[in-house]
């Protein structure tokens, strides 16, 4: 995973939705670990885990667990931030699990899925004139040209590497220290 995020926390009010999503799903916890108090970090971690689970849930148990985490998050928010946090936006988090049960993960039923589609479609236009014609033309070309899909019949990755392996030679001492 490679996430490029070069925006300042001080300018968070200028972020686009995709930046907020990246922050919550991927980089918020590591960045805030030395900034927030322990109780705030724990509270934010509960939120992050719940949103990650609801983003692309694998089963109903994940949705149920996320629902419990969001209930905890909403109920404990006033203890962490005071009564001013009790806004409609906070309350709507209690309904996210039901939304996911009815419409699938947040990645499929929110604007996030459309952002990717828009970016893909926008890539079909290479000039500022006759955009619809360009998009139509290149979409048509892509559907005509057969895209070959490559796949490996036998996995070529490693599931485990032993500490004695020569691959780890230059890292072995440091790994032993960590272990």
N, C-alpha and C. Protein backbone atom coordinates (compact mmCIF):
# COMPACT_ATOMS: atom_id res chain seq x y z
N UNK A 1 0.85 -1.17 0.00
CA UNK A 1 0.00 0.00 0.00
C UNK A 1 0.90 1.23 0.00
N UNK A 2 0.58 2.16 -0.85
CA UNK A 2 1.35 3.39 -0.92
C UNK A 2 0.37 4.56 -0.92
N UNK A 3 0.38 5.31 0.14
CA UNK A 3 -0.53 6.45 0.28
C UNK A 3 0.31 7.73 0.26
N UNK A 4 0.05 8.58 -0.71
CA UNK A 4 0.72 9.88 -0.76
C UNK A 4 -0.22 10.88 -0.09
N UNK A 5 0.24 11.47 0.97
CA UNK A 5 -0.58 12.41 1.73
C UNK A 5 0.32 13.54 2.20
N UNK A 6 0.37 14.60 1.43
CA UNK A 6 1.28 15.71 1.76
C UNK A 6 0.52 16.97 2.17
N UNK A 7 -0.63 16.77 2.82
CA UNK A 7 -1.44 17.90 3.27
C UNK A 7 -1.21 18.15 4.76
N UNK A 8 -1.32 19.39 5.14
CA UNK A 8 -1.12 19.77 6.53
C UNK A 8 -2.37 19.53 7.36
N UNK A 9 -2.18 19.08 8.60
CA UNK A 9 -3.31 18.93 9.51
C UNK A 9 -3.92 20.29 9.83
N UNK A 10 -3.11 21.32 9.81
CA UNK A 10 -3.60 22.67 10.09
C UNK A 10 -4.58 23.17 9.04
N UNK A 11 -4.52 22.58 7.85
CA UNK A 11 -5.41 22.99 6.76
C UNK A 11 -6.49 21.95 6.49
N UNK A 12 -6.86 21.16 7.50
CA UNK A 12 -7.85 20.10 7.33
C UNK A 12 -9.19 20.63 6.83
N UNK A 13 -9.52 21.87 7.18
CA UNK A 13 -10.78 22.44 6.70
C UNK A 13 -10.76 22.69 5.19
N UNK A 14 -9.61 22.56 4.54
CA UNK A 14 -9.47 22.75 3.09
C UNK A 14 -9.44 21.41 2.35
N UNK A 15 -9.38 20.30 3.08
CA UNK A 15 -9.28 18.99 2.46
C UNK A 15 -10.53 18.65 1.66
N UNK A 16 -10.36 17.82 0.66
CA UNK A 16 -11.49 17.26 -0.08
C UNK A 16 -11.93 16.00 0.65
N UNK A 17 -13.07 15.46 0.26
CA UNK A 17 -13.60 14.26 0.89
C UNK A 17 -12.60 13.11 0.82
N UNK A 18 -11.93 12.96 -0.31
CA UNK A 18 -10.98 11.84 -0.46
C UNK A 18 -9.84 11.95 0.54
N UNK A 19 -9.45 13.16 0.90
CA UNK A 19 -8.37 13.32 1.88
C UNK A 19 -8.84 12.92 3.27
N UNK A 20 -10.07 13.27 3.60
CA UNK A 20 -10.63 12.85 4.89
C UNK A 20 -10.74 11.34 4.97
N UNK A 21 -11.16 10.72 3.87
CA UNK A 21 -11.27 9.26 3.82
C UNK A 21 -9.89 8.62 3.99
N UNK A 22 -8.89 9.12 3.27
CA UNK A 22 -7.53 8.58 3.41
C UNK A 22 -7.03 8.72 4.84
N UNK A 23 -7.31 9.86 5.43
CA UNK A 23 -6.86 10.11 6.79
C UNK A 23 -7.47 9.09 7.76
N UNK A 24 -8.79 8.91 7.67
CA UNK A 24 -9.46 7.99 8.60
C UNK A 24 -9.06 6.55 8.33
N UNK A 25 -9.05 6.14 7.07
CA UNK A 25 -8.82 4.73 6.76
C UNK A 25 -7.36 4.29 6.84
N UNK A 26 -6.42 5.19 6.57
CA UNK A 26 -5.04 4.73 6.42
C UNK A 26 -4.00 5.41 7.32
N UNK A 27 -4.06 6.70 7.49
CA UNK A 27 -2.91 7.36 8.10
C UNK A 27 -3.20 8.12 9.39
N UNK A 28 -4.45 8.27 9.75
CA UNK A 28 -4.80 9.06 10.93
C UNK A 28 -4.18 8.57 12.23
N UNK A 29 -4.32 7.27 12.50
CA UNK A 29 -3.78 6.74 13.76
C UNK A 29 -2.28 6.92 13.89
N UNK A 30 -1.49 6.55 12.89
CA UNK A 30 -0.03 6.74 13.05
C UNK A 30 0.37 8.20 13.22
N UNK A 31 -0.34 9.09 12.55
CA UNK A 31 0.00 10.52 12.66
C UNK A 31 -0.38 11.06 14.03
N UNK A 32 -1.53 10.65 14.54
CA UNK A 32 -2.04 11.24 15.78
C UNK A 32 -1.54 10.56 17.05
N UNK A 33 -0.80 9.50 16.91
CA UNK A 33 -0.38 8.73 18.09
C UNK A 33 0.40 9.57 19.10
N UNK A 34 1.18 10.53 18.63
CA UNK A 34 1.94 11.38 19.54
C UNK A 34 1.33 12.77 19.71
N UNK A 35 0.13 12.97 19.17
CA UNK A 35 -0.52 14.27 19.24
C UNK A 35 -1.70 14.25 20.21
N UNK A 36 -2.54 13.22 20.11
CA UNK A 36 -3.74 13.14 20.95
C UNK A 36 -3.42 12.56 22.32
N UNK A 37 -4.28 12.88 23.27
CA UNK A 37 -4.16 12.24 24.58
C UNK A 37 -4.52 10.77 24.44
N UNK A 38 -4.21 9.97 25.43
CA UNK A 38 -4.49 8.54 25.38
C UNK A 38 -5.97 8.27 25.19
N UNK A 39 -6.82 8.98 25.93
CA UNK A 39 -8.26 8.75 25.81
C UNK A 39 -8.78 9.18 24.43
N UNK A 40 -8.28 10.29 23.90
CA UNK A 40 -8.70 10.73 22.57
C UNK A 40 -8.22 9.76 21.50
N UNK A 41 -7.00 9.26 21.63
CA UNK A 41 -6.46 8.32 20.65
C UNK A 41 -7.25 7.01 20.68
N UNK A 42 -7.57 6.51 21.87
CA UNK A 42 -8.36 5.30 22.00
C UNK A 42 -9.73 5.51 21.36
N UNK A 43 -10.33 6.65 21.61
CA UNK A 43 -11.64 6.98 21.06
C UNK A 43 -11.59 7.03 19.53
N UNK A 44 -10.57 7.69 19.00
CA UNK A 44 -10.41 7.78 17.55
C UNK A 44 -10.13 6.40 16.95
N UNK A 45 -9.36 5.56 17.65
CA UNK A 45 -9.07 4.21 17.17
C UNK A 45 -10.35 3.39 17.03
N UNK A 46 -11.25 3.52 18.00
CA UNK A 46 -12.54 2.82 17.92
C UNK A 46 -13.30 3.26 16.67
N UNK A 47 -13.27 4.55 16.39
CA UNK A 47 -13.94 5.10 15.21
C UNK A 47 -13.30 4.55 13.92
N UNK A 48 -11.97 4.58 13.86
CA UNK A 48 -11.25 4.12 12.67
C UNK A 48 -11.56 2.65 12.39
N UNK A 49 -11.51 1.81 13.41
CA UNK A 49 -11.78 0.39 13.22
C UNK A 49 -13.21 0.19 12.72
N UNK A 50 -14.16 0.90 13.31
CA UNK A 50 -15.56 0.77 12.88
C UNK A 50 -15.73 1.17 11.42
N UNK A 51 -15.15 2.29 11.03
CA UNK A 51 -15.29 2.76 9.65
C UNK A 51 -14.59 1.81 8.69
N UNK A 52 -13.41 1.31 9.06
CA UNK A 52 -12.71 0.34 8.20
C UNK A 52 -13.57 -0.91 8.00
N UNK A 53 -14.18 -1.40 9.07
CA UNK A 53 -15.03 -2.58 8.95
C UNK A 53 -16.23 -2.32 8.06
N UNK A 54 -16.82 -1.14 8.17
CA UNK A 54 -18.00 -0.82 7.36
C UNK A 54 -17.63 -0.42 5.93
N UNK A 55 -16.40 -0.08 5.71
CA UNK A 55 -15.97 0.34 4.37
C UNK A 55 -16.11 -0.82 3.38
N UNK A 56 -15.59 -1.98 3.74
CA UNK A 56 -15.73 -3.18 2.90
C UNK A 56 -15.87 -4.40 3.81
N UNK A 57 -17.04 -4.57 4.42
CA UNK A 57 -17.22 -5.69 5.36
C UNK A 57 -17.21 -7.03 4.64
N UNK A 58 -16.65 -8.03 5.32
CA UNK A 58 -16.60 -9.37 4.74
C UNK A 58 -17.78 -10.23 5.18
N UNK A 59 -18.41 -9.86 6.32
CA UNK A 59 -19.54 -10.65 6.79
C UNK A 59 -20.37 -9.82 7.78
N UNK A 60 -21.47 -10.41 8.21
CA UNK A 60 -22.37 -9.72 9.14
C UNK A 60 -21.77 -9.49 10.51
N UNK A 61 -20.86 -10.37 10.93
CA UNK A 61 -20.22 -10.20 12.23
C UNK A 61 -19.39 -8.92 12.27
N UNK A 62 -18.72 -8.60 11.17
CA UNK A 62 -17.94 -7.36 11.11
C UNK A 62 -18.86 -6.14 11.20
N UNK A 63 -20.00 -6.22 10.55
CA UNK A 63 -20.96 -5.10 10.62
C UNK A 63 -21.48 -4.95 12.04
N UNK A 64 -21.81 -6.06 12.68
CA UNK A 64 -22.31 -6.02 14.07
C UNK A 64 -21.27 -5.44 15.02
N UNK A 65 -20.01 -5.86 14.85
CA UNK A 65 -18.94 -5.34 15.71
C UNK A 65 -18.74 -3.85 15.47
N UNK A 66 -18.77 -3.43 14.21
CA UNK A 66 -18.63 -2.01 13.88
C UNK A 66 -19.77 -1.21 14.50
N UNK A 67 -20.95 -1.78 14.48
CA UNK A 67 -22.11 -1.10 15.07
C UNK A 67 -21.90 -0.88 16.57
N UNK A 68 -21.36 -1.88 17.25
CA UNK A 68 -21.07 -1.75 18.69
C UNK A 68 -20.00 -0.68 18.94
N UNK A 69 -18.97 -0.68 18.09
CA UNK A 69 -17.91 0.33 18.24
C UNK A 69 -18.46 1.74 18.02
N UNK A 70 -19.33 1.90 17.03
CA UNK A 70 -19.90 3.23 16.77
C UNK A 70 -20.84 3.66 17.89
N UNK A 71 -21.55 2.71 18.48
CA UNK A 71 -22.41 3.04 19.62
C UNK A 71 -21.54 3.52 20.79
N UNK A 72 -20.45 2.79 21.04
CA UNK A 72 -19.50 3.22 22.08
C UNK A 72 -18.95 4.61 21.75
N UNK A 73 -18.55 4.80 20.50
CA UNK A 73 -17.97 6.07 20.05
C UNK A 73 -18.95 7.23 20.30
N UNK A 74 -20.19 7.06 19.90
CA UNK A 74 -21.17 8.13 20.05
C UNK A 74 -21.52 8.38 21.52
N UNK A 75 -21.71 7.29 22.27
CA UNK A 75 -22.08 7.45 23.68
C UNK A 75 -20.96 8.04 24.53
N UNK A 76 -19.72 7.80 24.16
CA UNK A 76 -18.61 8.30 24.97
C UNK A 76 -18.05 9.63 24.46
N UNK A 77 -18.55 10.13 23.36
CA UNK A 77 -18.02 11.37 22.78
C UNK A 77 -18.10 12.56 23.73
N UNK A 78 -19.23 12.66 24.44
CA UNK A 78 -19.37 13.80 25.36
C UNK A 78 -18.38 13.73 26.52
N UNK A 79 -18.01 12.51 26.93
CA UNK A 79 -17.02 12.36 28.00
C UNK A 79 -15.64 12.83 27.55
N UNK A 80 -15.35 12.66 26.26
CA UNK A 80 -14.03 13.00 25.72
C UNK A 80 -13.98 14.47 25.31
N UNK A 81 -15.04 14.95 24.62
CA UNK A 81 -14.99 16.29 24.02
C UNK A 81 -15.97 17.29 24.60
N UNK A 82 -16.88 16.84 25.48
CA UNK A 82 -17.87 17.74 26.05
C UNK A 82 -19.18 17.70 25.27
N UNK A 83 -20.23 18.32 25.82
CA UNK A 83 -21.56 18.25 25.19
C UNK A 83 -21.67 18.95 23.84
N UNK A 84 -20.75 19.82 23.52
CA UNK A 84 -20.82 20.55 22.24
C UNK A 84 -20.67 19.61 21.04
N UNK A 85 -20.17 18.40 21.26
CA UNK A 85 -19.95 17.44 20.16
C UNK A 85 -21.26 16.77 19.74
N UNK A 86 -22.27 16.86 20.58
CA UNK A 86 -23.54 16.18 20.29
C UNK A 86 -24.30 16.92 19.19
N UNK A 87 -23.96 16.58 17.98
CA UNK A 87 -24.60 17.16 16.81
C UNK A 87 -25.28 16.06 16.01
N UNK A 88 -26.11 16.46 15.06
CA UNK A 88 -26.80 15.48 14.22
C UNK A 88 -25.80 14.58 13.50
N UNK A 89 -24.69 15.15 13.07
CA UNK A 89 -23.68 14.38 12.35
C UNK A 89 -23.17 13.21 13.20
N UNK A 90 -22.97 13.44 14.49
CA UNK A 90 -22.53 12.37 15.37
C UNK A 90 -23.61 11.29 15.45
N UNK A 91 -24.85 11.70 15.57
CA UNK A 91 -25.97 10.76 15.67
C UNK A 91 -26.09 9.88 14.42
N UNK A 92 -25.83 10.44 13.26
CA UNK A 92 -25.97 9.67 12.02
C UNK A 92 -25.03 8.48 11.97
N UNK A 93 -23.93 8.52 12.71
CA UNK A 93 -23.01 7.39 12.75
C UNK A 93 -23.70 6.13 13.29
N UNK A 94 -24.71 6.31 14.13
CA UNK A 94 -25.43 5.17 14.68
C UNK A 94 -26.21 4.41 13.61
N UNK A 95 -26.44 5.03 12.47
CA UNK A 95 -27.23 4.41 11.40
C UNK A 95 -26.36 3.83 10.27
N UNK A 96 -25.05 4.00 10.36
CA UNK A 96 -24.17 3.51 9.30
C UNK A 96 -24.23 1.99 9.13
N UNK A 97 -24.28 1.26 10.22
CA UNK A 97 -24.32 -0.21 10.12
C UNK A 97 -25.56 -0.66 9.36
N UNK A 98 -26.71 -0.06 9.65
CA UNK A 98 -27.94 -0.41 8.91
C UNK A 98 -27.81 -0.07 7.44
N UNK A 99 -27.19 1.08 7.15
CA UNK A 99 -26.98 1.46 5.75
C UNK A 99 -26.14 0.39 5.04
N UNK A 100 -25.10 -0.10 5.70
CA UNK A 100 -24.24 -1.11 5.11
C UNK A 100 -24.99 -2.43 4.95
N UNK A 101 -25.84 -2.77 5.91
CA UNK A 101 -26.63 -4.02 5.79
C UNK A 101 -27.55 -3.97 4.57
N UNK A 102 -28.09 -2.81 4.30
CA UNK A 102 -29.06 -2.68 3.20
C UNK A 102 -28.42 -2.38 1.85
N UNK A 103 -27.27 -1.69 1.85
CA UNK A 103 -26.70 -1.21 0.58
C UNK A 103 -25.27 -1.66 0.35
N UNK A 104 -24.74 -2.53 1.19
CA UNK A 104 -23.37 -3.02 1.10
C UNK A 104 -22.40 -1.98 1.68
N UNK A 105 -21.11 -2.26 1.61
CA UNK A 105 -20.08 -1.43 2.25
C UNK A 105 -20.12 0.03 1.84
N UNK A 106 -19.57 0.86 2.71
CA UNK A 106 -19.53 2.30 2.43
C UNK A 106 -18.79 2.61 1.14
N UNK A 107 -17.84 1.75 0.79
CA UNK A 107 -17.08 1.99 -0.44
C UNK A 107 -17.95 1.83 -1.68
N UNK A 108 -19.10 1.15 -1.55
CA UNK A 108 -19.98 0.92 -2.70
C UNK A 108 -21.21 1.82 -2.71
N UNK A 109 -21.60 2.32 -1.56
CA UNK A 109 -22.87 3.04 -1.50
C UNK A 109 -22.71 4.54 -1.22
N UNK A 110 -21.50 5.02 -1.27
CA UNK A 110 -21.29 6.44 -1.01
C UNK A 110 -20.64 7.09 -2.22
N UNK A 111 -20.27 8.33 -2.07
CA UNK A 111 -19.64 9.05 -3.18
C UNK A 111 -18.25 8.51 -3.51
N UNK A 112 -17.65 7.74 -2.61
CA UNK A 112 -16.31 7.25 -2.83
C UNK A 112 -16.21 6.41 -4.11
N UNK A 113 -17.19 5.53 -4.31
CA UNK A 113 -17.15 4.68 -5.50
C UNK A 113 -17.24 5.51 -6.77
N UNK A 114 -18.01 6.59 -6.73
CA UNK A 114 -18.18 7.42 -7.92
C UNK A 114 -16.92 8.23 -8.23
N UNK A 115 -16.14 8.57 -7.21
CA UNK A 115 -14.89 9.31 -7.46
C UNK A 115 -13.97 8.52 -8.37
N UNK A 116 -13.85 7.22 -8.12
CA UNK A 116 -13.00 6.38 -8.94
C UNK A 116 -13.54 6.31 -10.36
N UNK A 117 -14.84 6.18 -10.48
CA UNK A 117 -15.47 6.11 -11.80
C UNK A 117 -15.26 7.42 -12.56
N UNK A 118 -15.40 8.52 -11.87
CA UNK A 118 -15.21 9.82 -12.51
C UNK A 118 -13.76 9.97 -12.97
N UNK A 119 -12.81 9.56 -12.14
CA UNK A 119 -11.39 9.65 -12.50
C UNK A 119 -11.10 8.79 -13.72
N UNK A 120 -11.68 7.59 -13.78
CA UNK A 120 -11.48 6.69 -14.91
C UNK A 120 -12.06 7.32 -16.19
N UNK A 121 -13.26 7.85 -16.09
CA UNK A 121 -13.92 8.47 -17.25
C UNK A 121 -13.16 9.71 -17.69
N UNK A 122 -12.72 10.50 -16.74
CA UNK A 122 -11.98 11.73 -17.06
C UNK A 122 -10.68 11.42 -17.81
N UNK A 123 -10.09 10.27 -17.52
CA UNK A 123 -8.86 9.85 -18.19
C UNK A 123 -9.07 9.56 -19.68
N UNK A 124 -10.29 9.42 -20.10
CA UNK A 124 -10.59 9.16 -21.52
C UNK A 124 -10.56 10.45 -22.35
N UNK A 125 -10.60 11.60 -21.69
CA UNK A 125 -10.58 12.88 -22.41
C UNK A 125 -9.16 13.44 -22.38
N UNK A 126 -8.66 13.84 -23.55
CA UNK A 126 -7.28 14.29 -23.65
C UNK A 126 -7.15 15.73 -24.12
N UNK A 127 -8.26 16.42 -24.20
CA UNK A 127 -8.26 17.81 -24.65
C UNK A 127 -9.45 18.48 -23.98
N UNK A 128 -9.68 19.73 -24.27
CA UNK A 128 -10.79 20.43 -23.64
C UNK A 128 -12.00 20.57 -24.57
N UNK A 129 -11.90 20.05 -25.79
CA UNK A 129 -12.99 20.18 -26.75
C UNK A 129 -13.63 18.82 -27.01
N UNK A 130 -14.93 18.85 -27.26
CA UNK A 130 -15.69 17.64 -27.60
C UNK A 130 -15.44 16.50 -26.60
N UNK A 131 -15.58 16.81 -25.35
CA UNK A 131 -15.27 15.84 -24.30
C UNK A 131 -16.12 14.58 -24.41
N UNK A 132 -17.41 14.74 -24.64
CA UNK A 132 -18.28 13.57 -24.72
C UNK A 132 -17.87 12.66 -25.87
N UNK A 133 -17.52 13.25 -27.00
CA UNK A 133 -17.09 12.46 -28.15
C UNK A 133 -15.79 11.71 -27.85
N UNK A 134 -14.85 12.37 -27.19
CA UNK A 134 -13.58 11.72 -26.84
C UNK A 134 -13.82 10.55 -25.88
N UNK A 135 -14.61 10.80 -24.86
CA UNK A 135 -14.88 9.76 -23.87
C UNK A 135 -15.58 8.58 -24.54
N UNK A 136 -16.55 8.87 -25.38
CA UNK A 136 -17.26 7.82 -26.10
C UNK A 136 -16.32 7.03 -27.01
N UNK A 137 -15.48 7.73 -27.74
CA UNK A 137 -14.54 7.10 -28.67
C UNK A 137 -13.58 6.16 -27.93
N UNK A 138 -12.93 6.66 -26.87
CA UNK A 138 -11.94 5.85 -26.18
C UNK A 138 -12.57 4.72 -25.37
N UNK A 139 -13.79 4.91 -24.91
CA UNK A 139 -14.51 3.82 -24.24
C UNK A 139 -14.83 2.73 -25.25
N UNK A 140 -15.24 3.14 -26.45
CA UNK A 140 -15.52 2.19 -27.51
C UNK A 140 -14.26 1.42 -27.90
N UNK A 141 -13.15 2.11 -28.05
CA UNK A 141 -11.88 1.46 -28.40
C UNK A 141 -11.49 0.45 -27.32
N UNK A 142 -11.63 0.83 -26.08
CA UNK A 142 -11.28 -0.07 -24.97
C UNK A 142 -12.15 -1.32 -24.97
N UNK A 143 -13.40 -1.20 -25.38
CA UNK A 143 -14.28 -2.37 -25.40
C UNK A 143 -13.99 -3.28 -26.60
N UNK A 144 -13.43 -2.71 -27.67
CA UNK A 144 -13.11 -3.49 -28.86
C UNK A 144 -11.82 -4.29 -28.67
N UNK A 145 -10.81 -3.64 -28.09
CA UNK A 145 -9.51 -4.28 -27.91
C UNK A 145 -9.59 -5.24 -26.74
N UNK A 146 -9.23 -6.49 -27.02
CA UNK A 146 -9.30 -7.50 -25.98
C UNK A 146 -8.16 -7.29 -24.98
N UNK A 147 -8.52 -7.14 -23.72
CA UNK A 147 -7.55 -6.97 -22.65
C UNK A 147 -7.21 -8.35 -22.11
N UNK A 148 -5.95 -8.74 -22.21
CA UNK A 148 -5.56 -10.04 -21.67
C UNK A 148 -5.25 -9.90 -20.19
N UNK A 149 -5.69 -10.88 -19.47
CA UNK A 149 -5.48 -10.86 -18.03
C UNK A 149 -4.45 -11.92 -17.69
N UNK A 150 -3.42 -11.52 -17.00
CA UNK A 150 -2.37 -12.46 -16.60
C UNK A 150 -2.66 -13.00 -15.22
N UNK A 151 -2.41 -14.27 -15.03
CA UNK A 151 -2.58 -14.85 -13.70
C UNK A 151 -1.53 -15.94 -13.50
N UNK A 152 -1.14 -16.13 -12.28
CA UNK A 152 -0.17 -17.16 -11.92
C UNK A 152 -0.93 -18.40 -11.49
N UNK A 153 -0.55 -19.55 -12.02
CA UNK A 153 -1.23 -20.78 -11.65
C UNK A 153 -0.81 -21.24 -10.26
N UNK A 154 0.46 -21.02 -9.94
CA UNK A 154 0.98 -21.41 -8.63
C UNK A 154 1.46 -20.14 -7.93
N UNK A 155 1.02 -19.90 -6.69
CA UNK A 155 1.48 -18.71 -5.99
C UNK A 155 3.01 -18.70 -5.87
N UNK A 156 3.60 -17.54 -6.01
CA UNK A 156 5.06 -17.42 -5.95
C UNK A 156 5.52 -16.58 -4.76
N UNK A 157 4.64 -16.34 -3.81
CA UNK A 157 5.00 -15.55 -2.63
C UNK A 157 5.45 -16.47 -1.51
N UNK A 158 5.93 -15.88 -0.45
CA UNK A 158 6.38 -16.65 0.71
C UNK A 158 5.42 -16.39 1.86
N UNK A 159 4.96 -17.45 2.51
CA UNK A 159 4.07 -17.30 3.65
C UNK A 159 4.84 -17.15 4.95
N UNK A 160 6.07 -17.68 4.97
CA UNK A 160 6.89 -17.53 6.16
C UNK A 160 8.36 -17.55 5.77
N UNK A 161 9.14 -16.84 6.52
CA UNK A 161 10.59 -16.80 6.32
C UNK A 161 11.21 -17.09 7.67
N UNK A 162 12.07 -18.10 7.71
CA UNK A 162 12.72 -18.47 8.95
C UNK A 162 13.83 -17.48 9.28
N UNK A 163 14.03 -17.25 10.56
CA UNK A 163 15.04 -16.31 11.03
C UNK A 163 16.43 -16.69 10.53
N UNK A 164 16.67 -17.97 10.29
CA UNK A 164 17.98 -18.43 9.82
C UNK A 164 18.16 -18.23 8.31
N UNK A 165 17.12 -17.82 7.61
CA UNK A 165 17.17 -17.68 6.15
C UNK A 165 18.25 -16.68 5.73
N UNK A 166 19.00 -16.99 4.67
CA UNK A 166 20.04 -16.07 4.18
C UNK A 166 19.46 -14.74 3.68
N UNK A 167 18.19 -14.72 3.34
CA UNK A 167 17.53 -13.49 2.88
C UNK A 167 17.58 -12.42 3.97
N UNK A 168 17.55 -12.84 5.22
CA UNK A 168 17.49 -11.91 6.35
C UNK A 168 18.86 -11.58 6.94
N UNK A 169 19.92 -11.99 6.28
CA UNK A 169 21.28 -11.84 6.82
C UNK A 169 21.56 -10.44 7.37
N UNK A 170 21.33 -9.41 6.56
CA UNK A 170 21.69 -8.06 7.00
C UNK A 170 20.73 -7.50 8.07
N UNK A 171 19.57 -8.13 8.25
CA UNK A 171 18.59 -7.64 9.23
C UNK A 171 18.51 -8.51 10.48
N UNK A 172 19.19 -9.65 10.49
CA UNK A 172 19.02 -10.64 11.54
C UNK A 172 19.26 -10.08 12.94
N UNK A 173 20.34 -9.35 13.15
CA UNK A 173 20.65 -8.82 14.49
C UNK A 173 19.57 -7.86 14.98
N UNK A 174 19.11 -7.00 14.09
CA UNK A 174 18.06 -6.04 14.46
C UNK A 174 16.76 -6.77 14.78
N UNK A 175 16.44 -7.80 13.99
CA UNK A 175 15.23 -8.58 14.25
C UNK A 175 15.31 -9.29 15.60
N UNK A 176 16.47 -9.83 15.93
CA UNK A 176 16.64 -10.50 17.22
C UNK A 176 16.43 -9.51 18.37
N UNK A 177 16.90 -8.28 18.18
CA UNK A 177 16.68 -7.25 19.22
C UNK A 177 15.19 -6.99 19.42
N UNK A 178 14.47 -6.88 18.31
CA UNK A 178 13.02 -6.61 18.40
C UNK A 178 12.27 -7.77 19.01
N UNK A 179 12.70 -8.98 18.68
CA UNK A 179 12.03 -10.17 19.21
C UNK A 179 12.33 -10.32 20.68
